[in-house]
Each structure stands twice: as C-alpha cells, then as structure tokens.
C-alpha atoms as a PDB file:
ATOM      1  CA  MET A   1       0.000   0.000   0.000  1.00  0.00           C
ATOM      2  CA  LEU A   2       1.128   3.523  -0.786  1.00  0.00           C
ATOM      3  CA  PHE A   3       0.085   6.456   1.412  1.00  0.00           C
ATOM      4  CA  ILE A   4       1.149   9.925   0.179  1.00  0.00           C
ATOM      5  CA  GLN A   5       0.435  13.118   2.118  1.00  0.00           C
ATOM      6  CA  GLY A   6       1.753  16.659   2.017  1.00  0.00           C
ATOM      7  CA  THR A   7       3.685  16.308  -1.234  1.00  0.00           C
ATOM      8  CA  ASP A   8       3.236  19.023  -3.843  1.00  0.00           C
ATOM      9  CA  GLU A   9       4.178  16.756  -6.766  1.00  0.00           C
ATOM     10  CA  VAL A  10       3.416  13.048  -7.123  1.00  0.00           C
ATOM     11  CA  LEU A  11       4.240  10.831 -10.085  1.00  0.00           C
ATOM     12  CA  ILE A  12       3.229   7.156 -10.267  1.00  0.00           C
ATOM     13  CA  ASP A  13       4.110   5.769 -13.680  1.00  0.00           C
ATOM     14  CA  ASN A  14       4.110   2.238 -15.070  1.00  0.00           C
ATOM     15  CA  CYS A  15       3.544   0.543 -11.721  1.00  0.00           C
ATOM     16  CA  SER A  16       1.514  -2.505 -10.736  1.00  0.00           C
ATOM     17  CA  PHE A  17      -0.586  -3.022  -7.616  1.00  0.00           C
ATOM     18  CA  ALA A  18      -2.070  -6.501  -7.414  1.00  0.00           C
ATOM     19  CA  ASN A  19      -3.493  -9.123  -5.046  1.00  0.00           C
ATOM     20  CA  ILE A  20      -4.108  -6.738  -2.148  1.00  0.00           C
ATOM     21  CA  SER A  21      -6.687  -7.184   0.600  1.00  0.00           C
ATOM     22  CA  THR A  22      -6.600  -4.497   3.253  1.00  0.00           C
ATOM     23  CA  LEU A  23      -8.309  -3.478   6.478  1.00  0.00           C
ATOM     24  CA  ALA A  24      -6.241  -0.302   6.745  1.00  0.00           C
ATOM     25  CA  ASP A  25      -7.287   3.326   6.185  1.00  0.00           C
ATOM     26  CA  SER A  26      -5.957   3.340   2.654  1.00  0.00           C
ATOM     27  CA  GLY A  27      -6.369   1.248  -0.456  1.00  0.00           C
ATOM     28  CA  ALA A  28      -3.540   0.426  -2.827  1.00  0.00           C
ATOM     29  CA  VAL A  29      -2.767   4.125  -3.408  1.00  0.00           C
ATOM     30  CA  TYR A  30      -4.013   6.937  -1.158  1.00  0.00           C
ATOM     31  CA  ILE A  31      -3.043  10.509  -2.088  1.00  0.00           C
ATOM     32  CA  THR A  32      -4.009  13.686  -0.226  1.00  0.00           C
ATOM     33  CA  ASP A  33      -2.727  17.248  -0.478  1.00  0.00           C
ATOM     34  CA  PHE A  34      -3.188  17.756   3.259  1.00  0.00           C
ATOM     35  CA  ASP A  35      -0.282  19.933   4.576  1.00  0.00           C
ATOM     36  CA  VAL A  36       0.500  21.206   1.054  1.00  0.00           C
ATOM     37  CA  ILE A  37       0.931  24.995   1.273  1.00  0.00           C
ATOM     38  CA  ASN A  38       0.034  26.182  -2.225  1.00  0.00           C
ATOM     39  CA  LYS A  39      -0.956  23.602  -4.813  1.00  0.00           C
ATOM     40  CA  SER A  40      -0.175  20.044  -5.849  1.00  0.00           C
ATOM     41  CA  VAL A  41       0.137  18.052  -9.048  1.00  0.00           C
ATOM     42  CA  VAL A  42      -0.722  14.352  -8.989  1.00  0.00           C
ATOM     43  CA  THR A  43      -0.055  12.020 -11.903  1.00  0.00           C
ATOM     44  CA  VAL A  44      -1.012   8.347 -11.984  1.00  0.00           C
ATOM     45  CA  GLN A  45      -0.452   6.858 -15.421  1.00  0.00           C
ATOM     46  CA  ASN A  46       0.097   3.529 -17.174  1.00  0.00           C
ATOM     47  CA  THR A  47      -0.447   1.712 -13.884  1.00  0.00           C
ATOM     48  CA  SER A  48      -2.509  -1.396 -13.127  1.00  0.00           C
ATOM     49  CA  PHE A  49      -4.744  -2.041 -10.119  1.00  0.00           C
ATOM     50  CA  ILE A  50      -5.679  -5.732 -10.163  1.00  0.00           C
ATOM     51  CA  ASP A  51      -7.470  -7.896  -7.587  1.00  0.00           C
ATOM     52  CA  ILE A  52      -7.609  -5.236  -4.877  1.00  0.00           C
ATOM     53  CA  THR A  53     -10.137  -5.578  -2.055  1.00  0.00           C
ATOM     54  CA  VAL A  54     -10.847  -2.954   0.599  1.00  0.00           C
ATOM     55  CA  ASN A  55     -12.618  -4.319   3.663  1.00  0.00           C
ATOM     56  CA  ASN A  56     -14.708  -2.570   6.335  1.00  0.00           C
ATOM     57  CA  ASN A  57     -14.119   0.977   5.097  1.00  0.00           C
ATOM     58  CA  ASP A  58     -16.570   2.584   2.693  1.00  0.00           C
ATOM     59  CA  ASN A  59     -14.490   5.765   2.278  1.00  0.00           C
ATOM     60  CA  ILE A  60     -11.457   4.020   0.791  1.00  0.00           C
ATOM     61  CA  SER A  61     -10.903   2.627  -2.705  1.00  0.00           C
ATOM     62  CA  PRO A  62      -8.028   1.065  -4.662  1.00  0.00           C
ATOM     63  CA  LEU A  63      -7.046   4.544  -5.900  1.00  0.00           C
ATOM     64  CA  HIS A  64      -8.109   7.358  -3.576  1.00  0.00           C
ATOM     65  CA  ILE A  65      -7.422  11.044  -4.233  1.00  0.00           C
ATOM     66  CA  ILE A  66      -8.328  13.851  -1.821  1.00  0.00           C
ATOM     67  CA  ALA A  67      -8.051  17.473  -2.978  1.00  0.00           C
ATOM     68  CA  LEU A  68      -8.196  20.113  -0.250  1.00  0.00           C
ATOM     69  CA  ILE A  69      -6.464  23.195  -1.634  1.00  0.00           C
ATOM     70  CA  GLN A  70      -5.672  23.355  -5.350  1.00  0.00           C
ATOM     71  CA  THR A  71      -4.909  20.058  -7.010  1.00  0.00           C
ATOM     72  CA  THR A  72      -4.300  19.115 -10.610  1.00  0.00           C
ATOM     73  CA  ALA A  73      -4.695  15.360 -10.984  1.00  0.00           C
ATOM     74  CA  TYR A  74      -3.909  13.312 -14.081  1.00  0.00           C
ATOM     75  CA  VAL A  75      -5.217   9.731 -14.040  1.00  0.00           C
ATOM     76  CA  ILE A  76      -4.383   8.507 -17.521  1.00  0.00           C
ATOM     77  CA  GLY A  77      -3.955   5.161 -19.242  1.00  0.00           C
ATOM     78  CA  ASN A  78      -4.477   2.981 -16.176  1.00  0.00           C
ATOM     79  CA  THR A  79      -6.150  -0.406 -15.803  1.00  0.00           C
ATOM     80  CA  PHE A  80      -8.510  -1.322 -12.964  1.00  0.00           C
ATOM     81  CA  MET A  81      -9.430  -5.003 -13.039  1.00  0.00           C
ATOM     82  CA  ASN A  82     -11.173  -7.495 -10.742  1.00  0.00           C
ATOM     83  CA  CYS A  83     -11.421  -5.075  -7.810  1.00  0.00           C
ATOM     84  CA  GLN A  84     -14.379  -6.440  -5.831  1.00  0.00           C
ATOM     85  CA  ASN A  85     -15.077  -3.980  -3.013  1.00  0.00           C
ATOM     86  CA  LYS A  86     -18.336  -4.783  -1.287  1.00  0.00           C
ATOM     87  CA  ASP A  87     -17.359  -2.515   1.628  1.00  0.00           C
ATOM     88  CA  ALA A  88     -16.094   0.479  -0.424  1.00  0.00           C
ATOM     89  CA  ASN A  89     -18.122   3.229  -2.077  1.00  0.00           C
ATOM     90  CA  SER A  90     -16.140   2.896  -5.298  1.00  0.00           C
ATOM     91  CA  GLY A  91     -14.750  -0.241  -6.850  1.00  0.00           C
ATOM     92  CA  ALA A  92     -11.793   1.528  -8.469  1.00  0.00           C
ATOM     93  CA  LEU A  93     -11.340   5.327  -8.182  1.00  0.00           C
ATOM     94  CA  TYR A  94     -12.618   7.648  -5.432  1.00  0.00           C
ATOM     95  CA  ILE A  95     -12.135  11.432  -5.777  1.00  0.00           C
ATOM     96  CA  LEU A  96     -12.990  13.605  -2.797  1.00  0.00           C
ATOM     97  CA  GLU A  97     -12.904  17.402  -3.116  1.00  0.00           C
ATOM     98  CA  ASN A  98     -12.893  19.910  -0.281  1.00  0.00           C
ATOM     99  CA  PRO A  99     -14.474  17.586   2.270  1.00  0.00           C
ATOM    100  CA  TYR A 100     -14.364  20.305   4.940  1.00  0.00           C
ATOM    101  CA  GLU A 101     -17.514  22.005   3.752  1.00  0.00           C
ATOM    102  CA  ASP A 102     -17.703  24.495   6.643  1.00  0.00           C
ATOM    103  CA  ASN A 103     -14.280  25.910   5.774  1.00  0.00           C
ATOM    104  CA  TYR A 104     -15.246  26.149   2.105  1.00  0.00           C
ATOM    105  CA  THR A 105     -18.540  27.891   2.896  1.00  0.00           C
ATOM    106  CA  SER A 106     -16.861  30.429   5.198  1.00  0.00           C
ATOM    107  CA  LYS A 107     -14.458  31.368   2.406  1.00  0.00           C
ATOM    108  CA  LEU A 108     -17.368  32.025   0.073  1.00  0.00           C
ATOM    109  CA  LEU A 109     -19.138  34.168   2.679  1.00  0.00           C
ATOM    110  CA  ASN A 110     -15.968  36.189   3.321  1.00  0.00           C
ATOM    111  CA  ASN A 111     -15.335  36.611  -0.410  1.00  0.00           C
ATOM    112  CA  ASP A 112     -11.996  34.865  -0.002  1.00  0.00           C
ATOM    113  CA  GLU A 113     -10.439  33.438  -3.140  1.00  0.00           C
ATOM    114  CA  VAL A 114     -11.410  29.819  -3.675  1.00  0.00           C
ATOM    115  CA  LYS A 115      -9.387  28.033  -6.323  1.00  0.00           C
ATOM    116  CA  GLY A 116     -10.767  24.998  -8.034  1.00  0.00           C
ATOM    117  CA  ASN A 117      -9.170  21.696  -8.895  1.00  0.00           C
ATOM    118  CA  LEU A 118      -8.552  20.086 -12.263  1.00  0.00           C
ATOM    119  CA  PHE A 119      -9.123  16.358 -12.768  1.00  0.00           C
ATOM    120  CA  ILE A 120      -8.105  14.696 -16.017  1.00  0.00           C
ATOM    121  CA  VAL A 121      -9.250  11.055 -15.856  1.00  0.00           C
ATOM    122  CA  ASN A 122      -8.841   9.851 -19.428  1.00  0.00           C
ATOM    123  CA  ASN A 123      -8.089   6.690 -21.404  1.00  0.00           C
ATOM    124  CA  ASN A 124      -8.488   4.263 -18.506  1.00  0.00           C
ATOM    125  CA  SER A 125      -9.975   0.773 -18.488  1.00  0.00           C
ATOM    126  CA  PHE A 126     -12.346  -0.388 -15.748  1.00  0.00           C
ATOM    127  CA  MET A 127     -13.039  -4.114 -15.977  1.00  0.00           C
ATOM    128  CA  ASN A 128     -15.070  -6.240 -13.557  1.00  0.00           C
ATOM    129  CA  THR A 129     -14.925  -3.737 -10.678  1.00  0.00           C
ATOM    130  CA  THR A 130     -17.544  -3.519  -7.919  1.00  0.00           C
ATOM    131  CA  GLY A 131     -18.352  -0.946  -5.232  1.00  0.00           C
ATOM    132  CA  ILE A 132     -21.280   0.105  -3.079  1.00  0.00           C
ATOM    133  CA  ILE A 133     -22.147   3.332  -4.910  1.00  0.00           C
ATOM    134  CA  SER A 134     -20.226   2.863  -8.154  1.00  0.00           C
ATOM    135  CA  GLY A 135     -18.153   0.137  -9.724  1.00  0.00           C
ATOM    136  CA  GLY A 136     -15.781   2.503 -11.528  1.00  0.00           C
ATOM    137  CA  ILE A 137     -15.559   6.160 -10.457  1.00  0.00           C
ATOM    138  CA  PHE A 138     -17.072   7.974  -7.497  1.00  0.00           C
ATOM    139  CA  LEU A 139     -16.687  11.771  -7.319  1.00  0.00           C
ATOM    140  CA  LEU A 140     -17.783  13.723  -4.274  1.00  0.00           C
ATOM    141  CA  SER A 141     -17.309  17.462  -4.759  1.00  0.00           C
ATOM    142  CA  ASN A 142     -17.885  20.379  -2.397  1.00  0.00           C
ATOM    143  CA  THR A 143     -16.759  23.101  -4.800  1.00  0.00           C
ATOM    144  CA  GLN A 144     -18.192  24.807  -7.843  1.00  0.00           C
ATOM    145  CA  PHE A 145     -14.857  25.993  -9.235  1.00  0.00           C
ATOM    146  CA  SER A 146     -13.302  22.735 -10.419  1.00  0.00           C
ATOM    147  CA  SER A 147     -13.043  21.243 -13.896  1.00  0.00           C
ATOM    148  CA  TYR A 148     -13.342  17.588 -14.863  1.00  0.00           C
ATOM    149  CA  SER A 149     -12.567  15.357 -17.811  1.00  0.00           C
ATOM    150  CA  PHE A 150     -13.529  11.663 -17.849  1.00  0.00           C
ATOM    151  CA  LYS A 151     -12.987  11.133 -21.557  1.00  0.00           C
ATOM    152  CA  TYR A 152     -12.175   7.991 -23.555  1.00  0.00           C
ATOM    153  CA  ASN A 153     -12.569   5.559 -20.677  1.00  0.00           C
ATOM    154  CA  ASN A 154     -13.863   2.025 -21.220  1.00  0.00           C
ATOM    155  CA  PHE A 155     -16.126   0.384 -18.641  1.00  0.00           C
ATOM    156  CA  SER A 156     -16.711  -3.346 -18.796  1.00  0.00           C
ATOM    157  CA  SER A 157     -18.819  -5.314 -16.285  1.00  0.00           C
ATOM    158  CA  CYS A 158     -18.761  -2.642 -13.567  1.00  0.00           C
ATOM    159  CA  ASN A 159     -21.286  -3.216 -10.779  1.00  0.00           C
ATOM    160  CA  LYS A 160     -22.730  -1.419  -7.776  1.00  0.00           C
ATOM    161  CA  LEU A 161     -24.223  -3.035  -4.705  1.00  0.00           C
ATOM    162  CA  ASN A 162     -26.833  -0.564  -3.548  1.00  0.00           C
ATOM    163  CA  LYS A 163     -30.385  -0.880  -4.845  1.00  0.00           C
ATOM    164  CA  TYR A 164     -30.276   2.214  -7.053  1.00  0.00           C
ATOM    165  CA  LYS A 165     -29.928   0.761 -10.544  1.00  0.00           C
ATOM    166  CA  TYR A 166     -28.143   3.672 -12.233  1.00  0.00           C
ATOM    167  CA  GLY A 167     -24.485   4.639 -11.956  1.00  0.00           C
ATOM    168  CA  GLN A 168     -22.773   1.268 -12.326  1.00  0.00           C
ATOM    169  CA  ASP A 169     -19.785   2.959 -13.989  1.00  0.00           C
ATOM    170  CA  CYS A 170     -19.732   6.442 -12.434  1.00  0.00           C
ATOM    171  CA  GLU A 171     -21.502   8.276  -9.626  1.00  0.00           C
ATOM    172  CA  LEU A 172     -21.042  12.046  -9.302  1.00  0.00           C
ATOM    173  CA  TYR A 173     -22.183  14.181  -6.354  1.00  0.00           C
ATOM    174  CA  PHE A 174     -21.905  17.963  -6.662  1.00  0.00           C
ATOM    175  CA  PHE A 175     -22.801  19.414  -3.264  1.00  0.00           C
ATOM    176  CA  ASN A 176     -22.030  23.049  -4.111  1.00  0.00           C
ATOM    177  CA  ALA A 177     -22.899  23.245  -7.770  1.00  0.00           C
ATOM    178  CA  SER A 178     -23.048  26.595  -9.501  1.00  0.00           C
ATOM    179  CA  GLU A 179     -26.445  28.204  -9.877  1.00  0.00           C
ATOM    180  CA  ASP A 180     -25.817  28.129 -13.620  1.00  0.00           C
ATOM    181  CA  TRP A 181     -26.112  24.363 -13.537  1.00  0.00           C
ATOM    182  CA  THR A 182     -29.692  23.989 -14.653  1.00  0.00           C
ATOM    183  CA  VAL A 183     -31.069  20.626 -15.769  1.00  0.00           C
ATOM    184  CA  ASN A 184     -30.391  21.052 -19.492  1.00  0.00           C
ATOM    185  CA  TYR A 185     -27.044  22.777 -19.013  1.00  0.00           C
ATOM    186  CA  THR A 186     -25.885  20.119 -16.571  1.00  0.00           C
ATOM    187  CA  MET A 187     -26.773  17.328 -18.975  1.00  0.00           C
ATOM    188  CA  LYS A 188     -24.610  19.002 -21.614  1.00  0.00           C
ATOM    189  CA  ILE A 189     -21.731  19.422 -19.143  1.00  0.00           C
ATOM    190  CA  ILE A 190     -21.871  15.768 -18.067  1.00  0.00           C
ATOM    191  CA  ALA A 191     -22.055  14.563 -21.675  1.00  0.00           C
ATOM    192  CA  ASP A 192     -18.972  16.645 -22.524  1.00  0.00           C
ATOM    193  CA  MET A 193     -17.120  15.246 -19.499  1.00  0.00           C
ATOM    194  CA  PHE A 194     -17.611  11.658 -20.740  1.00  0.00           C
ATOM    195  CA  ASP A 195     -16.994  12.231 -24.427  1.00  0.00           C
ATOM    196  CA  GLY A 196     -15.517   9.143 -26.083  1.00  0.00           C
ATOM    197  CA  CYS A 197     -16.345   6.767 -23.214  1.00  0.00           C
ATOM    198  CA  ARG A 198     -17.899   3.366 -23.807  1.00  0.00           C
ATOM    199  CA  SER A 199     -19.629   0.832 -21.587  1.00  0.00           C
ATOM    200  CA  ASN A 200     -21.352  -2.545 -21.790  1.00  0.00           C
ATOM    201  CA  ALA A 201     -23.794  -1.604 -19.002  1.00  0.00           C
ATOM    202  CA  LYS A 202     -27.468  -2.056 -19.867  1.00  0.00           C
ATOM    203  CA  GLN A 203     -28.745   0.805 -17.715  1.00  0.00           C
ATOM    204  CA  ASN A 204     -27.766   4.484 -17.641  1.00  0.00           C
ATOM    205  CA  SER A 205     -24.340   3.862 -16.183  1.00  0.00           C
ATOM    206  CA  VAL A 206     -23.406   7.467 -15.300  1.00  0.00           C
ATOM    207  CA  ASP A 207     -25.479   9.008 -12.533  1.00  0.00           C
ATOM    208  CA  PHE A 208     -25.189  12.499 -11.037  1.00  0.00           C
ATOM    209  CA  GLN A 209     -26.815  14.493  -8.250  1.00  0.00           C
ATOM    210  CA  ILE A 210     -26.864  18.279  -8.049  1.00  0.00           C
ATOM    211  CA  TYR A 211     -27.174  20.214  -4.788  1.00  0.00           C
ATOM    212  CA  HIS A 212     -27.805  23.957  -4.545  1.00  0.00           C
ATOM    213  CA  ASN A 213     -27.508  25.855  -1.257  1.00  0.00           C
ATOM    214  CA  GLY A 214     -27.031  22.637   0.644  1.00  0.00           C
ATOM    215  CA  SER A 215     -30.190  20.956  -0.632  1.00  0.00           C
ATOM    216  CA  PHE A 216     -30.756  18.373  -3.312  1.00  0.00           C
ATOM    217  CA  ASP A 217     -32.055  20.012  -6.474  1.00  0.00           C
ATOM    218  CA  PHE A 218     -32.104  17.410  -9.233  1.00  0.00           C
ATOM    219  CA  GLY A 219     -30.347  14.386 -10.626  1.00  0.00           C
ATOM    220  CA  GLY A 220     -29.913  12.687 -13.951  1.00  0.00           C
ATOM    221  CA  GLN A 221     -28.300   9.881 -15.881  1.00  0.00           C
ATOM    222  CA  LEU A 222     -26.203   9.427 -18.972  1.00  0.00           C
ATOM    223  CA  GLN A 223     -26.098   6.324 -21.142  1.00  0.00           C
ATOM    224  CA  LEU A 224     -22.644   5.758 -22.603  1.00  0.00           C
ATOM    225  CA  PRO A 225     -22.201   4.366 -26.124  1.00  0.00           C
ATOM    226  CA  ARG A 226     -22.013   0.611 -26.318  1.00  0.00           C
ATOM    227  CA  LEU A 227     -18.687  -1.100 -25.658  1.00  0.00           C
ATOM    228  CA  TYR A 228     -18.258  -4.175 -27.807  1.00  0.00           C
ATOM    229  CA  ILE A 229     -15.872  -6.648 -26.237  1.00  0.00           C
ATOM    230  CA  GLU A 230     -13.589  -8.492 -28.629  1.00  0.00           C
ATOM    231  CA  TRP A 231     -13.811 -12.265 -28.449  1.00  0.00           C
ATOM    232  CA  TRP A 232     -10.330 -12.601 -26.928  1.00  0.00           C
ATOM    233  CA  GLN A 233     -11.432 -10.320 -24.069  1.00  0.00           C
ATOM    234  CA  ASN A 234     -14.477 -12.443 -23.261  1.00  0.00           C
ATOM    235  CA  LYS A 235     -13.689 -15.281 -20.866  1.00  0.00           C
ATOM    236  CA  TYR A 236     -16.816 -17.204 -21.869  1.00  0.00           C
ATOM    237  CA  ALA A 237     -15.839 -17.024 -25.523  1.00  0.00           C
ATOM    238  CA  ILE A 238     -12.356 -18.235 -24.645  1.00  0.00           C
ATOM    239  CA  ILE A 239     -13.815 -21.122 -22.624  1.00  0.00           C
ATOM    240  CA  GLY A 240     -16.150 -21.975 -25.491  1.00  0.00           C
ATOM    241  CA  ILE A 241     -13.312 -21.926 -28.002  1.00  0.00           C
ATOM    242  CA  ALA A 242     -11.207 -24.115 -25.711  1.00  0.00           C
ATOM    243  CA  PHE A 243     -13.991 -26.698 -25.353  1.00  0.00           C
ATOM    244  CA  GLY A 244     -14.639 -26.524 -29.084  1.00  0.00           C
ATOM    245  CA  ALA A 245     -10.971 -27.117 -29.832  1.00  0.00           C
ATOM    246  CA  VAL A 246     -10.922 -30.110 -27.475  1.00  0.00           C
ATOM    247  CA  ALA A 247     -14.041 -31.517 -29.145  1.00  0.00           C
ATOM    248  CA  VAL A 248     -12.535 -31.119 -32.625  1.00  0.00           C
ATOM    249  CA  VAL A 249      -9.319 -32.843 -31.543  1.00  0.00           C
ATOM    250  CA  ALA A 250     -11.350 -35.672 -29.974  1.00  0.00           C
ATOM    251  CA  LEU A 251     -13.351 -36.126 -33.198  1.00  0.00           C
ATOM    252  CA  ILE A 252     -10.165 -36.205 -35.263  1.00  0.00           C
ATOM    253  CA  ILE A 253      -8.655 -38.851 -32.959  1.00  0.00           C
ATOM    254  CA  ILE A 254     -11.840 -40.948 -33.131  1.00  0.00           C
ATOM    255  CA  ALA A 255     -11.862 -40.650 -36.931  1.00  0.00           C
ATOM    256  CA  ILE A 256      -8.223 -41.748 -37.118  1.00  0.00           C
ATOM    257  CA  ILE A 257      -8.940 -44.740 -34.856  1.00  0.00           C
ATOM    258  CA  LEU A 258     -11.929 -45.763 -36.980  1.00  0.00           C
ATOM    259  CA  VAL A 259      -9.871 -45.474 -40.175  1.00  0.00           C
ATOM    260  CA  VAL A 260      -7.090 -47.583 -38.655  1.00  0.00           C
ATOM    261  CA  ILE A 261      -9.591 -50.251 -37.534  1.00  0.00           C
ATOM    262  CA  TRP A 262     -11.184 -50.274 -41.005  1.00  0.00           C
ATOM    263  CA  ILE A 263      -7.791 -50.640 -42.688  1.00  0.00           C
ATOM    264  CA  ARG A 264      -6.818 -53.504 -40.372  1.00  0.00           C
ATOM    265  CA  LYS A 265     -10.098 -55.317 -41.068  1.00  0.00           C
ATOM    266  CA  LYS A 266      -9.587 -54.884 -44.794  1.00  0.00           C
ATOM    267  CA  ARG A 267      -6.019 -56.155 -44.526  1.00  0.00           C
ATOM    268  CA  LYS A 268      -7.083 -59.227 -42.534  1.00  0.00           C
ATOM    269  CA  ALA A 269      -9.817 -59.991 -45.053  1.00  0.00           C
ATOM    270  CA  TYR A 270      -7.335 -59.616 -47.912  1.00  0.00           C
ATOM    271  CA  ILE A 271      -4.845 -61.933 -46.212  1.00  0.00           C
ATOM    272  CA  ARG A 272      -7.518 -64.606 -45.633  1.00  0.00           C
ATOM    273  CA  MET A 273      -8.631 -64.349 -49.238  1.00  0.00           C
ATOM    274  CA  GLY A 274      -5.052 -64.659 -50.443  1.00  0.00           C
ATOM    275  CA  ARG A 275      -4.470 -67.800 -48.369  1.00  0.00           C
ATOM    276  CA  ARG A 276      -7.707 -69.351 -49.634  1.00  0.00           C
ATOM    277  CA  ASN A 277      -6.781 -68.675 -53.252  1.00  0.00           C
ATOM    278  CA  SER A 278      -3.335 -70.172 -52.705  1.00  0.00           C
ATOM    279  CA  PHE A 279      -4.892 -73.309 -51.177  1.00  0.00           C
ATOM    280  CA  ASN A 280      -7.362 -73.669 -54.045  1.00  0.00           C
ATOM    281  CA  ASP A 281      -4.570 -73.307 -56.594  1.00  0.00           C
ATOM    282  CA  GLY A 282      -2.491 -75.963 -54.851  1.00  0.00           C
ATOM    283  CA  LEU A 283      -5.438 -78.321 -54.573  1.00  0.00           C
ATOM    284  CA  GLY A 284      -6.250 -77.894 -58.262  1.00  0.00           C
ATOM    285  CA  GLN A 285      -2.691 -78.738 -59.260  1.00  0.00           C
ATOM    286  CA  TYR A 286      -2.725 -81.822 -57.050  1.00  0.00           C
ATOM    287  CA  LEU A 287      -5.982 -83.143 -58.520  1.00  0.00           C
ATOM    288  CA  SER A 288      -4.860 -82.530 -62.069  1.00  0.00           C
ATOM    289  CA  THR A 289      -1.899 -84.796 -61.520  1.00  0.00           C
END
C-alpha cells in the first residue's frame, strides 16, 4: 500500500498493484494534499490495479485522491481489473474534493479566493470492478470551481451493490454546484465530461446528483455508447473456443482410430482371401496330376 500526504508533486508511472486485501485506512494508493501549502500536481499513469479488495471501510478505494487546496490530478492510461469492493463506495477510483464544507462555505461568505481543482481522468480501463455506490468512479465534490474530464474511458462489467440501478460505472455528487447548472445545461456538461467513453452496461451507467444551497435540487443519468468486447477479451468465448478445440481434436482422434480399424479389417480380409486362393490353386494342381 502507498500512502502519500503533504507532497506538492506526485508521479506514479508504469507501476503494478495486485493481489491486495486491506483493512487499513488506505487502499492500494491513497493521495491527499493535506499539509500542502500552495498547490499540488498528482499524476497516476500507465499503472494497473488488479485484484484489490478494501474491507470494512466505505471511504477508501483502490485509488483514492483527496483534494483540499488546489490540485491538478492526471489519471491517464491505467487499468482497474477485478477489484471487488463490497465494503467500499467505489470499486476503483474515489475522488474527494474539499471535504471540509464548513471551511469552504466560510471562504465564500468572506469573499476569499477559492481556487478549483482540475481532474483529467482519461483513457483508462475499468473491468469487472464492484463498489457500493459505483463500480468505476465515485466523485464527491464540495466546490463549484473545479473542472473535470472523464474522456475515452472504457467500462466493462462494472457493478454497484446498492439498490439504485443507475451509476454502475460512475456516480457524481456535486454538493455546491453553480447556480448556472440547470437541468439542461448540466446534462450538456456531463455529456462533454464523458466524451468518447464506452460501456457494456445495460442501464444508464453514469449518474449524477446536483445540490444547490445545501439541498438536493435534481439528478440525472447518462447512457454511454455501447462497448463491444472483442472475443479474446471475453472469458466465456475463450472457454467456449477451448472446449470446441478439445471436441474437434477428440473427433479427429476418433476418426483416425476408426480409419485404422477399417484398414486392419480390410487387410485381414485380404490376407484370408489370399491364403484361400493359394490353397485352391495348390489343390487344383494336385488333382490334375
């Protein structure tokens, strides 16, 4: 497990985190800008998170990022696979922004400068991941000044455990959304955030909730374009091909055995016939003398 705190620049590149089951207060990678004075840059790229289970802690996920001050986070080109987290809110990635809402609200009231965060979560693969609220990505935001990109991600067989049927791939909570975020405008914003993403989920797999002035205002869903899984990525297809190959080999072996048996029978019959003809020829010569 990797716990990073108070570092203004973090780079995790081409790493692998696998076969982890934890009861601790962090998943495979836990990053927070707590104690950072000005701003931080976090980059997690080309890294795999495979078979990671978080137990008895719903606020932790395999990759957990907390942004308190001003964070720019790049989560690009990573693979999340087989992370089954029945006790975690997210099966793969959990982003938490400005969780200290009272401090954030006081800054707004005092007209203090509040700087937003930037999250670039692009070109990742989420495969067979499970969480309570979302199987792939869970974003909980307490600011209206941040920007987000969740483009060109692929979601395959992501699941959520709560009864709400939407949001298998992504669940987004905006607790201090801008007043400009009306229903139609928000739908456009969310669609732009997830441009180029694909999913094999049957329901609307991206779900969002908008809060204004501390109260729930409205929610909505987005259906991502269909993700078609290639046959070599489908375990059932691979199993079927394997069984089919075994069956073909078995049929070939049986056919060869039958041909060999047929040839042997023919050879035996030919030998018997040859012996009989030789005997008849000898007998004929004997009688003629």
